Amino acid sequence: GLVQAGGSLRLSCAASGSIFTTAVMGWYRQAPG
């Protein structure tokens, strides 16, 4: 979402399937350009 500088957000990622407990889970980001 949109937040002002200094604010907070919490991202969630729900996974289906049976791999979750053994997987390395990560968050990546990509800014324009």
Full PDB file with SEQRES, HELIX, SHEET, SSBOND, CRYST1, ORIGX, SCALE, CONECT and MASTER records, all heavy atoms in Angstrom:
SEQRES   1 A   33  GLY LEU VAL GLN ALA GLY GLY SER LEU ARG LEU SER CYS          
SEQRES   2 A   33  ALA ALA SER GLY SER ILE PHE THR THR ALA VAL MET GLY          
SEQRES   3 A   33  TRP TYR ARG GLN ALA PRO GLY                                  
HELIX    1 AA1 PHE A   20  THR A   22  5                                   3    
CRYST1    1.000    1.000    1.000  90.00  90.00  90.00 P 1           1          
ORIGX1      1.000000  0.000000  0.000000        0.00000                         
ORIGX2      0.000000  1.000000  0.000000        0.00000                         
ORIGX3      0.000000  0.000000  1.000000        0.00000                         
SCALE1      1.000000  0.000000  0.000000        0.00000                         
SCALE2      0.000000  1.000000  0.000000        0.00000                         
SCALE3      0.000000  0.000000  1.000000        0.00000                         
ATOM      1  N   GLY A   1       0.815  -1.204   0.000  1.00  0.00           N  
ATOM      2  CA  GLY A   1       0.000   0.000   0.000  1.00  0.00           C  
ATOM      3  C   GLY A   1       0.843   1.246   0.000  1.00  0.00           C  
ATOM      4  O   GLY A   1       2.050   1.207  -0.263  1.00  0.00           O  
ATOM      5  N   LEU A   2       0.183   2.359   0.284  1.00  0.00           N  
ATOM      6  CA  LEU A   2       0.833   3.672   0.328  1.00  0.00           C  
ATOM      7  C   LEU A   2       0.991   4.088   1.776  1.00  0.00           C  
ATOM      8  O   LEU A   2       0.029   4.021   2.557  1.00  0.00           O  
ATOM      9  CB  LEU A   2      -0.025   4.686  -0.425  1.00  0.00           C  
ATOM     10  CG  LEU A   2       0.400   6.153  -0.350  1.00  0.00           C  
ATOM     11  CD1 LEU A   2       1.757   6.353  -1.005  1.00  0.00           C  
ATOM     12  CD2 LEU A   2      -0.654   7.038  -1.023  1.00  0.00           C  
ATOM     13  N   VAL A   3       2.184   4.524   2.131  1.00  0.00           N  
ATOM     14  CA  VAL A   3       2.464   4.929   3.502  1.00  0.00           C  
ATOM     15  C   VAL A   3       3.427   6.108   3.480  1.00  0.00           C  
ATOM     16  O   VAL A   3       4.226   6.242   2.537  1.00  0.00           O  
ATOM     17  CB  VAL A   3       3.044   3.740   4.314  1.00  0.00           C  
ATOM     18  CG1 VAL A   3       4.393   3.309   3.773  1.00  0.00           C  
ATOM     19  CG2 VAL A   3       3.109   4.057   5.797  1.00  0.00           C  
ATOM     20  N   GLN A   4       3.339   6.944   4.487  1.00  0.00           N  
ATOM     21  CA  GLN A   4       4.275   8.062   4.590  1.00  0.00           C  
ATOM     22  C   GLN A   4       5.619   7.588   5.128  1.00  0.00           C  
ATOM     23  O   GLN A   4       5.700   6.572   5.840  1.00  0.00           O  
ATOM     24  CB  GLN A   4       3.709   9.139   5.506  1.00  0.00           C  
ATOM     25  CG  GLN A   4       2.550   9.919   4.891  1.00  0.00           C  
ATOM     26  CD  GLN A   4       2.155  11.118   5.735  1.00  0.00           C  
ATOM     27  OE1 GLN A   4       2.309  11.110   6.952  1.00  0.00           O  
ATOM     28  NE2 GLN A   4       1.644  12.156   5.086  1.00  0.00           N  
ATOM     29  N   ALA A   5       6.652   8.320   4.801  1.00  0.00           N  
ATOM     30  CA  ALA A   5       7.979   8.010   5.334  1.00  0.00           C  
ATOM     31  C   ALA A   5       7.927   7.939   6.858  1.00  0.00           C  
ATOM     32  O   ALA A   5       7.280   8.770   7.500  1.00  0.00           O  
ATOM     33  CB  ALA A   5       8.988   9.054   4.885  1.00  0.00           C  
ATOM     34  N   GLY A   6       8.592   6.920   7.399  1.00  0.00           N  
ATOM     35  CA  GLY A   6       8.571   6.704   8.836  1.00  0.00           C  
ATOM     36  C   GLY A   6       7.492   5.737   9.290  1.00  0.00           C  
ATOM     37  O   GLY A   6       7.486   5.305  10.445  1.00  0.00           O  
ATOM     38  N   GLY A   7       6.579   5.418   8.386  1.00  0.00           N  
ATOM     39  CA  GLY A   7       5.484   4.531   8.718  1.00  0.00           C  
ATOM     40  C   GLY A   7       5.863   3.064   8.616  1.00  0.00           C  
ATOM     41  O   GLY A   7       7.021   2.708   8.366  1.00  0.00           O  
ATOM     42  N   SER A   8       4.860   2.212   8.809  1.00  0.00           N  
ATOM     43  CA  SER A   8       5.073   0.764   8.809  1.00  0.00           C  
ATOM     44  C   SER A   8       4.052   0.056   7.930  1.00  0.00           C  
ATOM     45  O   SER A   8       2.934   0.547   7.741  1.00  0.00           O  
ATOM     46  CB  SER A   8       4.933   0.225  10.235  1.00  0.00           C  
ATOM     47  OG  SER A   8       5.907   0.761  11.103  1.00  0.00           O  
ATOM     48  N   LEU A   9       4.473  -1.073   7.401  1.00  0.00           N  
ATOM     49  CA  LEU A   9       3.586  -1.985   6.687  1.00  0.00           C  
ATOM     50  C   LEU A   9       4.002  -3.407   7.032  1.00  0.00           C  
ATOM     51  O   LEU A   9       5.179  -3.666   7.326  1.00  0.00           O  
ATOM     52  CB  LEU A   9       3.681  -1.794   5.174  1.00  0.00           C  
ATOM     53  CG  LEU A   9       2.991  -0.585   4.546  1.00  0.00           C  
ATOM     54  CD1 LEU A   9       3.349  -0.501   3.060  1.00  0.00           C  
ATOM     55  CD2 LEU A   9       1.479  -0.660   4.715  1.00  0.00           C  
ATOM     56  N   ARG A  10       3.035  -4.312   6.934  1.00  0.00           N  
ATOM     57  CA  ARG A  10       3.337  -5.730   7.124  1.00  0.00           C  
ATOM     58  C   ARG A  10       2.862  -6.486   5.910  1.00  0.00           C  
ATOM     59  O   ARG A  10       1.670  -6.479   5.584  1.00  0.00           O  
ATOM     60  CB  ARG A  10       2.634  -6.262   8.369  1.00  0.00           C  
ATOM     61  CG  ARG A  10       3.025  -7.682   8.746  1.00  0.00           C  
ATOM     62  CD  ARG A  10       2.069  -8.246   9.751  1.00  0.00           C  
ATOM     63  NE  ARG A  10       2.572  -9.426  10.421  1.00  0.00           N  
ATOM     64  CZ  ARG A  10       1.780 -10.347  10.974  1.00  0.00           C  
ATOM     65  NH1 ARG A  10       0.471 -10.207  10.942  1.00  0.00           N  
ATOM     66  NH2 ARG A  10       2.307 -11.396  11.576  1.00  0.00           N  
ATOM     67  N   LEU A  11       3.792  -7.133   5.226  1.00  0.00           N  
ATOM     68  CA  LEU A  11       3.464  -7.962   4.071  1.00  0.00           C  
ATOM     69  C   LEU A  11       3.284  -9.405   4.522  1.00  0.00           C  
ATOM     70  O   LEU A  11       3.983  -9.880   5.417  1.00  0.00           O  
ATOM     71  CB  LEU A  11       4.576  -7.893   3.029  1.00  0.00           C  
ATOM     72  CG  LEU A  11       4.966  -6.502   2.530  1.00  0.00           C  
ATOM     73  CD1 LEU A  11       6.034  -6.633   1.425  1.00  0.00           C  
ATOM     74  CD2 LEU A  11       3.774  -5.738   2.027  1.00  0.00           C  
ATOM     75  N   SER A  12       2.355 -10.081   3.869  1.00  0.00           N  
ATOM     76  CA  SER A  12       2.121 -11.501   4.122  1.00  0.00           C  
ATOM     77  C   SER A  12       2.204 -12.267   2.810  1.00  0.00           C  
ATOM     78  O   SER A  12       1.849 -11.739   1.754  1.00  0.00           O  
ATOM     79  CB  SER A  12       0.727 -11.723   4.741  1.00  0.00           C  
ATOM     80  OG  SER A  12       0.599 -11.059   5.971  1.00  0.00           O  
ATOM     81  N   CYS A  13       2.641 -13.509   2.897  1.00  0.00           N  
ATOM     82  CA  CYS A  13       2.691 -14.380   1.719  1.00  0.00           C  
ATOM     83  C   CYS A  13       2.204 -15.754   2.141  1.00  0.00           C  
ATOM     84  O   CYS A  13       2.851 -16.431   2.950  1.00  0.00           O  
ATOM     85  CB  CYS A  13       4.108 -14.453   1.178  1.00  0.00           C  
ATOM     86  SG  CYS A  13       4.338 -15.689  -0.108  1.00  0.00           S  
ATOM     87  N   ALA A  14       1.055 -16.129   1.606  1.00  0.00           N  
ATOM     88  CA  ALA A  14       0.480 -17.434   1.918  1.00  0.00           C  
ATOM     89  C   ALA A  14       0.846 -18.413   0.813  1.00  0.00           C  
ATOM     90  O   ALA A  14       0.671 -18.119  -0.381  1.00  0.00           O  
ATOM     91  CB  ALA A  14      -1.036 -17.313   2.036  1.00  0.00           C  
ATOM     92  N   ALA A  15       1.344 -19.569   1.211  1.00  0.00           N  
ATOM     93  CA  ALA A  15       1.797 -20.577   0.255  1.00  0.00           C  
ATOM     94  C   ALA A  15       0.885 -21.791   0.273  1.00  0.00           C  
ATOM     95  O   ALA A  15       0.505 -22.269   1.338  1.00  0.00           O  
ATOM     96  CB  ALA A  15       3.224 -20.998   0.588  1.00  0.00           C  
ATOM     97  N   SER A  16       0.535 -22.247  -0.915  1.00  0.00           N  
ATOM     98  CA  SER A  16      -0.191 -23.501  -1.025  1.00  0.00           C  
ATOM     99  C   SER A  16       0.816 -24.615  -1.285  1.00  0.00           C  
ATOM    100  O   SER A  16       1.977 -24.353  -1.577  1.00  0.00           O  
ATOM    101  CB  SER A  16      -1.201 -23.434  -2.170  1.00  0.00           C  
ATOM    102  OG  SER A  16      -0.517 -23.312  -3.400  1.00  0.00           O  
ATOM    103  N   GLY A  17       0.389 -25.847  -1.208  1.00  0.00           N  
ATOM    104  CA  GLY A  17       1.297 -26.942  -1.476  1.00  0.00           C  
ATOM    105  C   GLY A  17       2.030 -27.408  -0.238  1.00  0.00           C  
ATOM    106  O   GLY A  17       1.862 -26.849   0.844  1.00  0.00           O  
ATOM    107  N   SER A  18       2.884 -28.390  -0.408  1.00  0.00           N  
ATOM    108  CA  SER A  18       3.500 -29.050   0.740  1.00  0.00           C  
ATOM    109  C   SER A  18       4.961 -28.672   0.957  1.00  0.00           C  
ATOM    110  O   SER A  18       5.635 -29.269   1.783  1.00  0.00           O  
ATOM    111  CB  SER A  18       3.397 -30.564   0.558  1.00  0.00           C  
ATOM    112  OG  SER A  18       4.064 -30.930  -0.634  1.00  0.00           O  
ATOM    113  N   ILE A  19       5.451 -27.664   0.234  1.00  0.00           N  
ATOM    114  CA  ILE A  19       6.881 -27.390   0.291  1.00  0.00           C  
ATOM    115  C   ILE A  19       7.272 -26.424   1.391  1.00  0.00           C  
ATOM    116  O   ILE A  19       8.438 -26.270   1.710  1.00  0.00           O  
ATOM    117  CB  ILE A  19       7.374 -26.781  -1.040  1.00  0.00           C  
ATOM    118  CG1 ILE A  19       6.779 -25.375  -1.229  1.00  0.00           C  
ATOM    119  CG2 ILE A  19       7.046 -27.698  -2.205  1.00  0.00           C  
ATOM    120  CD1 ILE A  19       7.505 -24.545  -2.242  1.00  0.00           C  
ATOM    121  N   PHE A  20       6.289 -25.768   1.978  1.00  0.00           N  
ATOM    122  CA  PHE A  20       6.596 -24.585   2.781  1.00  0.00           C  
ATOM    123  C   PHE A  20       7.596 -24.864   3.886  1.00  0.00           C  
ATOM    124  O   PHE A  20       8.546 -24.112   4.080  1.00  0.00           O  
ATOM    125  CB  PHE A  20       5.306 -23.993   3.371  1.00  0.00           C  
ATOM    126  CG  PHE A  20       5.526 -22.702   4.101  1.00  0.00           C  
ATOM    127  CD1 PHE A  20       5.579 -21.500   3.407  1.00  0.00           C  
ATOM    128  CD2 PHE A  20       5.701 -22.676   5.480  1.00  0.00           C  
ATOM    129  CE1 PHE A  20       5.800 -20.305   4.077  1.00  0.00           C  
ATOM    130  CE2 PHE A  20       5.918 -21.486   6.152  1.00  0.00           C  
ATOM    131  CZ  PHE A  20       5.973 -20.296   5.448  1.00  0.00           C  
ATOM    132  N   THR A  21       7.409 -25.922   4.629  1.00  0.00           N  
ATOM    133  CA  THR A  21       8.238 -26.130   5.820  1.00  0.00           C  
ATOM    134  C   THR A  21       9.704 -26.383   5.477  1.00  0.00           C  
ATOM    135  O   THR A  21      10.581 -26.138   6.300  1.00  0.00           O  
ATOM    136  CB  THR A  21       7.705 -27.296   6.668  1.00  0.00           C  
ATOM    137  OG1 THR A  21       7.597 -28.447   5.842  1.00  0.00           O  
ATOM    138  CG2 THR A  21       6.345 -26.965   7.263  1.00  0.00           C  
ATOM    139  N   THR A  22       9.994 -26.829   4.281  1.00  0.00           N  
ATOM    140  CA  THR A  22      11.389 -27.092   3.901  1.00  0.00           C  
ATOM    141  C   THR A  22      11.987 -26.016   3.010  1.00  0.00           C  
ATOM    142  O   THR A  22      13.193 -26.004   2.765  1.00  0.00           O  
ATOM    143  CB  THR A  22      11.510 -28.440   3.181  1.00  0.00           C  
ATOM    144  OG1 THR A  22      10.683 -28.413   2.009  1.00  0.00           O  
ATOM    145  CG2 THR A  22      11.065 -29.579   4.080  1.00  0.00           C  
ATOM    146  N   ALA A  23      11.161 -25.091   2.531  1.00  0.00           N  
ATOM    147  CA  ALA A  23      11.632 -24.078   1.589  1.00  0.00           C  
ATOM    148  C   ALA A  23      12.341 -22.932   2.295  1.00  0.00           C  
ATOM    149  O   ALA A  23      12.021 -22.587   3.436  1.00  0.00           O  
ATOM    150  CB  ALA A  23      10.460 -23.526   0.792  1.00  0.00           C  
ATOM    151  N   VAL A  24      13.288 -22.333   1.594  1.00  0.00           N  
ATOM    152  CA  VAL A  24      13.832 -21.047   1.996  1.00  0.00           C  
ATOM    153  C   VAL A  24      12.865 -20.001   1.463  1.00  0.00           C  
ATOM    154  O   VAL A  24      12.641 -19.923   0.254  1.00  0.00           O  
ATOM    155  CB  VAL A  24      15.236 -20.815   1.423  1.00  0.00           C  
ATOM    156  CG1 VAL A  24      15.746 -19.436   1.850  1.00  0.00           C  
ATOM    157  CG2 VAL A  24      16.180 -21.910   1.870  1.00  0.00           C  
ATOM    158  N   MET A  25      12.293 -19.220   2.345  1.00  0.00           N  
ATOM    159  CA  MET A  25      11.315 -18.211   1.954  1.00  0.00           C  
ATOM    160  C   MET A  25      11.974 -16.842   1.945  1.00  0.00           C  
ATOM    161  O   MET A  25      12.698 -16.491   2.871  1.00  0.00           O  
ATOM    162  CB  MET A  25      10.124 -18.202   2.918  1.00  0.00           C  
ATOM    163  CG  MET A  25       9.370 -19.523   2.984  1.00  0.00           C  
ATOM    164  SD  MET A  25       8.688 -20.029   1.392  1.00  0.00           S  
ATOM    165  CE  MET A  25       7.570 -18.663   1.046  1.00  0.00           C  
ATOM    166  N   GLY A  26      11.691 -16.085   0.911  1.00  0.00           N  
ATOM    167  CA  GLY A  26      12.335 -14.782   0.799  1.00  0.00           C  
ATOM    168  C   GLY A  26      11.403 -13.709   0.296  1.00  0.00           C  
ATOM    169  O   GLY A  26      10.359 -13.997  -0.299  1.00  0.00           O  
ATOM    170  N   TRP A  27      11.781 -12.484   0.562  1.00  0.00           N  
ATOM    171  CA  TRP A  27      11.127 -11.301  -0.001  1.00  0.00           C  
ATOM    172  C   TRP A  27      12.145 -10.574  -0.871  1.00  0.00           C  
ATOM    173  O   TRP A  27      13.263 -10.298  -0.427  1.00  0.00           O  
ATOM    174  CB  TRP A  27      10.621 -10.373   1.091  1.00  0.00           C  
ATOM    175  CG  TRP A  27       9.409 -10.875   1.800  1.00  0.00           C  
ATOM    176  CD1 TRP A  27       9.374 -11.546   2.988  1.00  0.00           C  
ATOM    177  CD2 TRP A  27       8.059 -10.759   1.354  1.00  0.00           C  
ATOM    178  NE1 TRP A  27       8.075 -11.853   3.319  1.00  0.00           N  
ATOM    179  CE2 TRP A  27       7.244 -11.370   2.329  1.00  0.00           C  
ATOM    180  CE3 TRP A  27       7.439 -10.182   0.251  1.00  0.00           C  
ATOM    181  CZ2 TRP A  27       5.859 -11.444   2.219  1.00  0.00           C  
ATOM    182  CZ3 TRP A  27       6.061 -10.246   0.136  1.00  0.00           C  
ATOM    183  CH2 TRP A  27       5.282 -10.867   1.107  1.00  0.00           C  
ATOM    184  N   TYR A  28      11.750 -10.299  -2.104  1.00  0.00           N  
ATOM    185  CA  TYR A  28      12.548  -9.537  -3.040  1.00  0.00           C  
ATOM    186  C   TYR A  28      11.773  -8.268  -3.393  1.00  0.00           C  
ATOM    187  O   TYR A  28      10.559  -8.194  -3.182  1.00  0.00           O  
ATOM    188  CB  TYR A  28      12.791 -10.338  -4.323  1.00  0.00           C  
ATOM    189  CG  TYR A  28      13.744 -11.498  -4.170  1.00  0.00           C  
ATOM    190  CD1 TYR A  28      13.385 -12.639  -3.449  1.00  0.00           C  
ATOM    191  CD2 TYR A  28      15.004 -11.469  -4.761  1.00  0.00           C  
ATOM    192  CE1 TYR A  28      14.254 -13.710  -3.305  1.00  0.00           C  
ATOM    193  CE2 TYR A  28      15.887 -12.536  -4.636  1.00  0.00           C  
ATOM    194  CZ  TYR A  28      15.501 -13.649  -3.905  1.00  0.00           C  
ATOM    195  OH  TYR A  28      16.375 -14.700  -3.780  1.00  0.00           O  
ATOM    196  N   ARG A  29      12.472  -7.308  -3.961  1.00  0.00           N  
ATOM    197  CA  ARG A  29      11.772  -6.118  -4.446  1.00  0.00           C  
ATOM    198  C   ARG A  29      12.398  -5.640  -5.746  1.00  0.00           C  
ATOM    199  O   ARG A  29      13.576  -5.881  -6.011  1.00  0.00           O  
ATOM    200  CB  ARG A  29      11.791  -5.002  -3.401  1.00  0.00           C  
ATOM    201  CG  ARG A  29      13.151  -4.387  -3.120  1.00  0.00           C  
ATOM    202  CD  ARG A  29      13.061  -3.417  -1.950  1.00  0.00           C  
ATOM    203  NE  ARG A  29      14.344  -2.776  -1.659  1.00  0.00           N  
ATOM    204  CZ  ARG A  29      14.590  -2.035  -0.579  1.00  0.00           C  
ATOM    205  NH1 ARG A  29      13.629  -1.844   0.331  1.00  0.00           N  
ATOM    206  NH2 ARG A  29      15.761  -1.497  -0.410  1.00  0.00           N  
ATOM    207  N   GLN A  30      11.577  -4.950  -6.511  1.00  0.00           N  
ATOM    208  CA  GLN A  30      12.048  -4.392  -7.777  1.00  0.00           C  
ATOM    209  C   GLN A  30      11.462  -3.002  -7.947  1.00  0.00           C  
ATOM    210  O   GLN A  30      10.235  -2.853  -8.040  1.00  0.00           O  
ATOM    211  CB  GLN A  30      11.656  -5.290  -8.951  1.00  0.00           C  
ATOM    212  CG  GLN A  30      12.278  -4.854 -10.256  1.00  0.00           C  
ATOM    213  CD  GLN A  30      12.140  -5.914 -11.335  1.00  0.00           C  
ATOM    214  OE1 GLN A  30      11.321  -6.813 -11.254  1.00  0.00           O  
ATOM    215  NE2 GLN A  30      12.981  -5.806 -12.359  1.00  0.00           N  
ATOM    216  N   ALA A  31      12.339  -2.018  -7.974  1.00  0.00           N  
ATOM    217  CA  ALA A  31      11.933  -0.642  -8.216  1.00  0.00           C  
ATOM    218  C   ALA A  31      11.994  -0.370  -9.719  1.00  0.00           C  
ATOM    219  O   ALA A  31      12.709  -1.064 -10.457  1.00  0.00           O  
ATOM    220  CB  ALA A  31      12.851   0.310  -7.462  1.00  0.00           C  
ATOM    221  N   PRO A  32      11.266   0.633 -10.210  1.00  0.00           N  
ATOM    222  CA  PRO A  32      11.273   0.937 -11.642  1.00  0.00           C  
ATOM    223  C   PRO A  32      12.684   1.174 -12.155  1.00  0.00           C  
ATOM    224  O   PRO A  32      13.454   1.937 -11.571  1.00  0.00           O  
ATOM    225  CB  PRO A  32      10.427   2.209 -11.728  1.00  0.00           C  
ATOM    226  CG  PRO A  32       9.527   2.138 -10.558  1.00  0.00           C  
ATOM    227  CD  PRO A  32      10.324   1.483  -9.468  1.00  0.00           C  
ATOM    228  N   GLY A  33      13.031   0.499 -13.241  1.00  0.00           N  
ATOM    229  CA  GLY A  33      14.333   0.682 -13.856  1.00  0.00           C  
ATOM    230  C   GLY A  33      15.473  -0.007 -13.136  1.00  0.00           C  
ATOM    231  O   GLY A  33      16.641   0.166 -13.517  1.00  0.00           O  
TER     232      GLY A  33                                                      
MASTER        0    0    0    1    0    0    0    6  231    1    0    3          
END                                                                             
